[in-house]
Protein backbone atom coordinates (compact mmCIF):
# COMPACT_ATOMS: atom_id res chain seq x y z
CA MET A 1 36.13 4.18 85.52
CA ARG A 2 38.82 6.98 86.79
CA THR A 3 39.33 4.58 89.63
CA GLY A 4 40.02 1.45 87.51
CA LEU A 5 42.19 3.74 84.92
CA ALA A 6 44.45 5.00 87.55
CA ARG A 7 44.78 1.52 89.03
CA ASP A 8 45.21 0.14 84.98
CA LEU A 9 48.07 2.03 84.95
CA GLY A 10 49.68 1.41 88.05
CA ILE A 11 48.88 -2.41 87.27
CA GLY A 12 50.36 -1.88 83.88
CA LEU A 13 53.51 -0.04 85.04
CA LEU A 14 54.03 -3.37 87.58
CA CYS A 15 53.94 -5.62 84.68
CA LEU A 16 56.74 -3.03 82.40
CA VAL A 17 58.84 -3.10 85.61
CA ALA A 18 58.79 -6.91 85.95
CA LEU A 19 59.05 -7.11 82.28
CA LEU A 20 62.36 -5.22 82.17
CA ALA A 21 63.62 -6.79 85.38
CA LEU A 22 63.46 -10.75 84.25
CA PRO A 23 66.29 -9.92 81.69
CA VAL A 24 68.58 -8.31 84.16
CA LEU A 25 68.10 -11.24 87.72
CA PHE A 26 68.93 -13.72 84.55
CA PRO A 27 70.64 -12.25 81.59
CA HIS A 28 71.06 -15.51 79.58
CA PRO A 29 70.00 -14.11 75.99
CA SER A 30 67.65 -16.93 75.01
CA LEU A 31 65.19 -15.91 78.08
CA ARG A 32 65.26 -12.30 76.23
CA ASP A 33 64.31 -13.82 73.24
CA PHE A 34 61.34 -16.51 74.80
CA LEU A 35 60.09 -13.41 76.33
CA ILE A 36 59.50 -11.36 73.04
CA TYR A 37 58.22 -14.05 71.46
CA VAL A 38 55.57 -14.45 73.93
CA ILE A 39 55.07 -10.81 73.57
CA ALA A 40 54.69 -10.30 69.78
CA TYR A 41 52.35 -14.03 70.04
CA GLY A 42 50.19 -12.69 73.23
CA LEU A 43 49.58 -10.24 71.50
CA LEU A 44 48.28 -11.37 68.96
CA ALA A 45 46.62 -13.40 70.81
CA MET A 46 45.22 -10.74 72.68
CA SER A 47 44.05 -8.94 69.95
CA LEU A 48 42.10 -12.36 68.06
CA ASN A 49 39.66 -12.41 71.96
CA LEU A 50 38.56 -8.63 71.51
CA LEU A 51 37.19 -10.25 68.66
CA VAL A 52 36.31 -14.34 70.62
CA GLY A 53 35.88 -13.51 74.07
CA LEU A 54 34.31 -10.24 73.78
CA THR A 55 32.25 -10.29 70.62
CA GLY A 56 31.76 -14.51 70.17
CA LEU A 57 33.00 -13.42 66.15
CA VAL A 58 35.34 -17.00 66.00
CA SER A 59 37.83 -15.17 63.36
CA PHE A 60 39.78 -18.17 61.63
CA GLY A 61 42.44 -15.43 59.71
CA HIS A 62 43.56 -13.16 62.16
CA ALA A 63 47.39 -13.63 61.40
CA ALA A 64 46.69 -12.06 58.03
CA TYR A 65 47.16 -9.11 59.97
CA PHE A 66 49.65 -9.84 62.20
CA ALA A 67 51.14 -10.50 58.21
CA SER A 68 50.75 -7.20 57.14
CA GLY A 69 51.93 -5.12 59.78
CA ALA A 70 55.42 -7.43 59.36
CA TYR A 71 55.41 -6.62 55.77
CA VAL A 72 54.21 -3.26 55.86
CA PHE A 73 56.53 -1.99 58.33
CA GLY A 74 59.89 -4.01 56.64
CA LEU A 75 58.85 -2.79 53.38
CA LEU A 76 59.15 1.21 54.14
CA MET A 77 62.62 0.57 56.38
CA GLN A 78 64.59 -1.21 53.72
CA GLY A 79 62.52 2.04 51.34
CA GLY A 80 65.26 3.55 53.92
CA ALA A 81 63.29 7.18 53.56
CA VAL A 82 61.04 6.84 57.05
CA SER A 83 62.35 6.49 60.42
CA ILE A 84 60.87 3.72 62.38
CA PRO A 85 57.85 5.29 64.24
CA VAL A 86 56.60 6.62 61.07
CA ALA A 87 56.87 3.39 59.71
CA MET A 88 55.00 1.72 62.53
CA LEU A 89 52.10 4.34 62.49
CA ALA A 90 52.50 3.76 58.70
CA ALA A 91 51.39 0.34 58.85
CA VAL A 92 48.99 0.25 62.05
CA GLY A 93 47.38 2.66 59.29
CA GLY A 94 47.58 0.67 56.49
CA THR A 95 45.98 -2.52 58.18
CA ALA A 96 43.23 -0.75 59.83
CA LEU A 97 42.65 0.58 56.10
CA LEU A 98 42.38 -3.87 55.40
CA ALA A 99 41.42 -4.38 58.16
CA LEU A 100 38.38 -2.07 57.55
CA VAL A 101 37.61 -3.40 53.87
CA ILE A 102 36.79 -7.16 55.15
CA GLY A 103 35.78 -6.42 58.10
CA ALA A 104 32.65 -3.91 56.47
CA ILE A 105 31.75 -7.58 54.17
CA CYS A 106 32.70 -9.89 57.33
CA VAL A 107 30.54 -8.86 60.16
CA ARG A 108 27.15 -8.85 58.13
CA LEU A 109 28.10 -12.46 58.32
CA LYS A 110 26.80 -15.49 61.34
CA GLU A 111 28.91 -18.23 63.03
CA ILE A 112 31.13 -20.73 60.34
CA TYR A 113 30.33 -18.07 57.52
CA PHE A 114 31.73 -15.06 59.26
CA SER A 115 34.90 -17.40 59.82
CA PHE A 116 35.34 -19.33 56.80
CA ILE A 117 34.97 -15.90 55.24
CA THR A 118 38.10 -14.39 57.78
CA LEU A 119 39.77 -17.56 56.61
CA ALA A 120 39.15 -17.24 53.04
CA PHE A 121 40.30 -13.13 52.72
CA GLN A 122 43.84 -15.23 55.19
CA MET A 123 44.31 -17.46 52.31
CA PHE A 124 43.87 -14.74 49.77
CA ILE A 125 46.35 -12.48 51.29
CA HIS A 126 48.69 -15.15 52.07
CA SER A 127 48.87 -15.86 47.98
CA ILE A 128 49.87 -12.64 46.79
CA ILE A 129 52.65 -12.89 49.64
CA LEU A 130 54.04 -15.67 47.83
CA THR A 131 53.31 -14.48 44.26
CA TRP A 132 54.21 -10.89 44.11
CA VAL A 133 58.08 -12.46 44.64
CA GLU A 134 59.70 -7.95 43.28
CA LEU A 135 57.68 -6.47 46.21
CA THR A 136 57.61 -9.75 49.21
CA GLY A 137 60.50 -11.84 48.23
CA GLY A 138 57.95 -14.67 47.76
CA ASP A 139 58.22 -17.79 49.64
CA GLN A 140 61.88 -16.59 51.16
CA GLY A 141 60.22 -13.81 52.74
CA LEU A 142 62.05 -10.10 52.49
CA ARG A 143 65.40 -10.49 51.46
CA GLY A 144 68.45 -8.32 53.08
CA GLY A 145 67.13 -7.73 56.28
CA ILE A 146 65.77 -4.89 58.35
CA PRO A 147 67.03 -1.66 59.58
CA ARG A 148 67.03 -0.60 62.90
CA PRO A 149 67.71 3.29 62.60
CA PRO A 150 68.53 5.25 65.53
CA PHE A 151 65.59 7.70 66.82
CA LEU A 152 65.27 9.64 69.50
CA GLY A 153 68.76 7.94 71.18
CA ILE A 154 66.87 5.22 70.96
CA ASP A 155 68.48 2.52 68.97
CA LEU A 156 66.81 -0.30 68.10
CA GLY A 157 69.79 -2.05 67.02
CA GLU A 158 70.72 -3.02 70.31
CA ALA A 159 69.18 -6.25 71.97
CA GLY A 160 69.01 -4.96 75.48
CA THR A 161 67.35 -1.84 73.67
CA LEU A 162 64.84 -4.21 71.89
CA TYR A 163 63.16 -5.89 73.96
CA GLY A 164 62.71 -2.96 76.14
CA PHE A 165 61.47 -1.34 73.86
CA CYS A 166 58.68 -3.99 73.07
CA ALA A 167 57.82 -4.90 76.01
CA VAL A 168 56.93 -1.03 76.60
CA VAL A 169 54.66 -1.37 73.11
CA PHE A 170 53.29 -4.24 74.79
CA VAL A 171 51.86 -3.27 77.48
CA LEU A 172 50.50 -0.06 76.06
CA CYS A 173 48.55 -2.26 74.05
CA LEU A 174 47.46 -3.71 76.84
CA LEU A 175 46.42 -0.92 78.53
CA VAL A 176 44.38 0.40 75.82
CA MET A 177 42.42 -3.09 75.34
CA ARG A 178 41.57 -3.08 79.07
CA GLN A 179 40.10 0.33 78.81
CA VAL A 180 37.99 -1.50 75.87
CA TRP A 181 37.28 -4.75 78.11
CA GLN A 182 36.07 -1.99 80.10
CA SER A 183 34.26 0.89 78.35
CA PRO A 184 30.75 0.35 78.08
CA PHE A 185 32.14 -0.12 74.06
CA GLY A 186 33.50 -3.23 75.59
CA TYR A 187 29.99 -4.13 77.18
CA THR A 188 28.15 -2.98 74.39
CA LEU A 189 29.58 -5.86 73.14
CA ARG A 190 29.27 -8.37 75.30
CA MET A 191 25.54 -7.77 74.87
CA ILE A 192 26.29 -8.55 71.27
CA ARG A 193 27.73 -11.19 72.10
CA ASP A 194 25.39 -12.84 74.54
CA ASN A 195 22.16 -11.44 72.57
CA PRO A 196 22.14 -9.47 69.60
CA ALA A 197 18.53 -9.33 68.98
CA ARG A 198 17.83 -7.74 71.81
CA ALA A 199 20.66 -5.19 71.06
CA ASN A 200 19.67 -4.32 67.76
CA PHE A 201 15.88 -3.30 69.00
CA LEU A 202 17.47 -0.72 72.13
CA GLY A 203 19.03 1.10 69.67
CA VAL A 204 22.78 -0.61 69.05
CA ASP A 205 24.02 -0.47 65.64
CA VAL A 206 25.32 -4.19 65.81
CA VAL A 207 27.16 -4.15 62.67
CA ARG A 208 28.68 -0.55 63.01
CA MET A 209 29.85 -2.11 66.85
CA LYS A 210 31.12 -5.67 65.27
CA LEU A 211 33.20 -3.39 62.36
CA GLY A 212 34.56 -0.85 65.40
CA VAL A 213 36.48 -4.08 67.42
CA PHE A 214 36.99 -5.62 64.18
CA VAL A 215 39.35 -2.77 62.78
CA LEU A 216 40.83 -2.54 66.57
CA ALA A 217 41.52 -6.52 66.58
CA GLY A 218 43.57 -5.71 63.54
CA ILE A 219 45.42 -2.55 64.11
CA MET A 220 46.38 -4.65 67.84
CA ALA A 221 47.90 -7.25 65.41
CA SER A 222 49.17 -5.25 63.14
CA VAL A 223 51.47 -3.89 66.19
CA ALA A 224 52.07 -7.54 66.44
CA GLY A 225 53.62 -8.01 62.87
CA ILE A 226 56.01 -5.08 63.62
CA ILE A 227 56.95 -6.48 67.07
CA MET A 228 58.38 -10.06 65.03
CA ALA A 229 59.32 -8.60 61.69
CA LEU A 230 61.99 -6.33 64.48
CA PHE A 231 62.76 -9.04 66.14
CA VAL A 232 63.72 -11.22 63.51
CA SER A 233 64.86 -8.71 60.78
CA GLY A 234 62.32 -10.18 58.45
CA ALA A 235 59.14 -11.25 57.63
CA PHE A 236 57.85 -14.76 55.93
CA PRO A 237 54.50 -16.44 54.45
CA GLU A 238 54.32 -17.85 57.26
CA PHE A 239 53.17 -15.15 59.49
CA GLY A 240 49.94 -14.44 57.03
CA PHE A 241 49.40 -18.80 56.86
CA TRP A 242 46.24 -20.23 57.93
CA THR A 243 47.93 -22.23 61.32
CA THR A 244 49.81 -18.65 62.60
CA SER A 245 45.81 -18.07 63.24
CA GLY A 246 45.12 -21.38 64.72
CA GLU A 247 48.57 -20.87 67.18
CA ALA A 248 46.60 -17.75 68.37
CA ILE A 249 43.46 -19.60 68.86
CA PHE A 250 45.32 -22.22 70.93
CA MET A 251 46.67 -19.62 72.94
CA ILE A 252 43.05 -18.34 73.38
CA MET A 253 42.05 -22.27 74.43
CA LEU A 254 45.41 -22.63 76.80
CA GLY A 255 44.71 -19.31 78.59
CA GLY A 256 40.90 -18.62 78.26
CA THR A 257 39.16 -15.86 76.72
CA GLN A 258 37.00 -13.38 79.89
CA VAL A 259 39.99 -13.46 82.11
CA PHE A 260 41.62 -10.31 80.25
CA LEU A 261 45.23 -11.53 80.56
CA GLY A 262 44.41 -15.61 79.91
CA PRO A 263 45.67 -15.22 76.86
CA VAL A 264 48.34 -14.28 77.88
CA ILE A 265 49.05 -16.60 79.58
CA GLY A 266 47.66 -19.47 76.96
CA ALA A 267 50.90 -18.02 74.66
CA PHE A 268 53.25 -18.19 77.75
CA LEU A 269 52.67 -21.78 78.63
CA LEU A 270 52.44 -22.66 74.06
CA GLN A 271 55.51 -21.03 73.57
CA LEU A 272 56.79 -23.06 76.35
CA LEU A 273 55.16 -26.73 75.43
CA ASN A 274 56.92 -25.48 71.81
CA HIS A 275 60.35 -24.54 73.11
CA TYR A 276 60.94 -27.89 76.05
CA VAL A 277 58.33 -30.32 73.09
CA THR A 278 60.54 -29.89 70.44
CA ILE A 279 63.66 -30.27 72.15
CA TRP A 280 62.58 -33.85 73.46
CA THR A 281 60.64 -34.92 70.36
CA HIS A 282 60.48 -34.68 66.86
CA HIS A 283 56.93 -35.48 66.73
CA HIS A 284 56.17 -32.49 68.56
CA GLY A 285 52.36 -31.68 67.09
CA LEU A 286 51.43 -34.61 68.79
CA VAL A 287 52.24 -33.83 72.54
CA LEU A 288 50.64 -30.27 71.62
CA GLY A 289 47.79 -31.66 70.66
CA ILE A 290 47.41 -34.48 73.26
CA VAL A 291 48.48 -31.33 76.07
CA ILE A 292 45.42 -29.20 74.59
CA LEU A 293 43.21 -31.61 74.12
CA ALA A 294 44.18 -32.80 78.01
CA ILE A 295 43.54 -29.27 79.53
CA VAL A 296 40.40 -28.16 76.90
CA LEU A 297 38.54 -31.86 77.95
CA GLY A 298 39.82 -31.48 81.93
CA LEU A 299 39.54 -28.34 82.41
CA ARG A 300 36.60 -27.62 80.35
CA ARG A 301 38.01 -24.14 79.64
CA GLY A 302 41.38 -22.54 79.42
CA VAL A 303 43.90 -22.64 83.01
CA ALA A 304 43.21 -18.58 83.52
CA ASP A 305 39.17 -18.93 83.58
CA TYR A 306 39.85 -21.83 85.72
CA ALA A 307 42.22 -20.46 88.45
CA ALA A 308 39.47 -17.67 88.36
CA ALA A 309 36.09 -20.00 88.99
CA TRP A 310 38.22 -21.91 91.57
CA LEU A 311 39.77 -18.59 93.35
CA ALA A 312 35.35 -17.47 93.25
CA GLU A 313 34.64 -20.40 94.90
CA ARG A 314 36.63 -20.38 97.03
CA ARG A 315 35.91 -16.98 99.06
CA ALA A 316 32.63 -18.06 97.89
CA ALA A 317 32.82 -20.35 100.55
CA SER A 318 35.45 -18.69 102.61
CA ARG A 319 32.18 -16.47 103.52
CA PRO A 320 30.77 -16.86 106.86
CA ALA A 321 26.95 -17.40 106.55
CA ALA A 322 24.61 -14.60 107.43
CA VAL A 323 23.07 -14.11 111.21
CA PRO A 324 19.96 -13.01 111.64
CA GLY A 325 19.18 -10.48 113.60
CA PRO A 326 16.62 -9.64 116.48
CA ALA A 327 14.42 -8.86 114.16
CA GLU A 328 14.79 -12.11 111.98
CA THR A 329 14.75 -14.81 114.81
CA PRO A 330 11.34 -16.62 114.84
CA ALA A 331 9.46 -16.73 117.95
CA PRO A 332 9.12 -19.15 119.89
CA ALA A 333 6.36 -21.83 119.75
CA GLU A 334 3.31 -21.50 121.76
CA THR A 335 3.41 -24.69 124.68
CA LYS A 336 0.15 -26.11 125.07
CA ALA A 337 -0.49 -26.34 128.96
CA VAL A 338 -1.18 -29.91 130.92
CA GLY A 339 -3.82 -30.49 132.35
């Protein structure tokens, strides 16, 4: 595990360097904005994949924690009494508590019942956002913007600094999820996904394990919401609507569930499609649906999962066939004497 951690830290550092270098090599502001969108929604999809790909829990209401992080952070910053790091920690802690309460109910249900109860909680939270106008601004969202006061010499009011901050937070969250993915906890979740009855027979507390990963997924989704709130300087009801959860599921379908970075690849593809399709046609929903259907029905898996399986097949085909050793060489057949 120590070797794996060192390798993951090295890969994470390389990814961070690449993310920081892209705006320097291509300094157009639109690229930086596009990458922040990918970072926020990629982190949302990665957090959902902790449930879908790792544990086999399909949540239709995951955007509730995305909205919770954004709104709690935005309200604290508008109050002006705390710094950005304190507001981020409070938003993450509040969302963890929310996920703990909701998860304690949801994880006891199975399959489609779990999916629909998560959707019900999301719609409940969305209705609170719409109706509590004095606090949330209703359908207009948080009005007045979100202040970005400097902290520790870091000024997030500058676009380049904000992008660098988002990139660092993104990579740190990926490293945390990677360690969970490769840990004994992660393999226990895979066992629960594949055979919960056997996991329970072996002494695994299935409900507690599911609740733990449910809270962790909510925490990571709240960080994604904080990044988006910082970027757009606000929080809006769409953050907690069912379509945002649907987009996260689309990203997972596009990228894949079994390759760790598959959801990030899916987020990149979806944002790229949204960007170009909306430029060329008003029927972007129709075109996007056709593309997703073509990938899902054509490849029968996400792009990253398909590429990983193809590479594995190529490696297996390129391996030389085993040559039998001297002890394995069959003895020559005896010849009959011709009399």
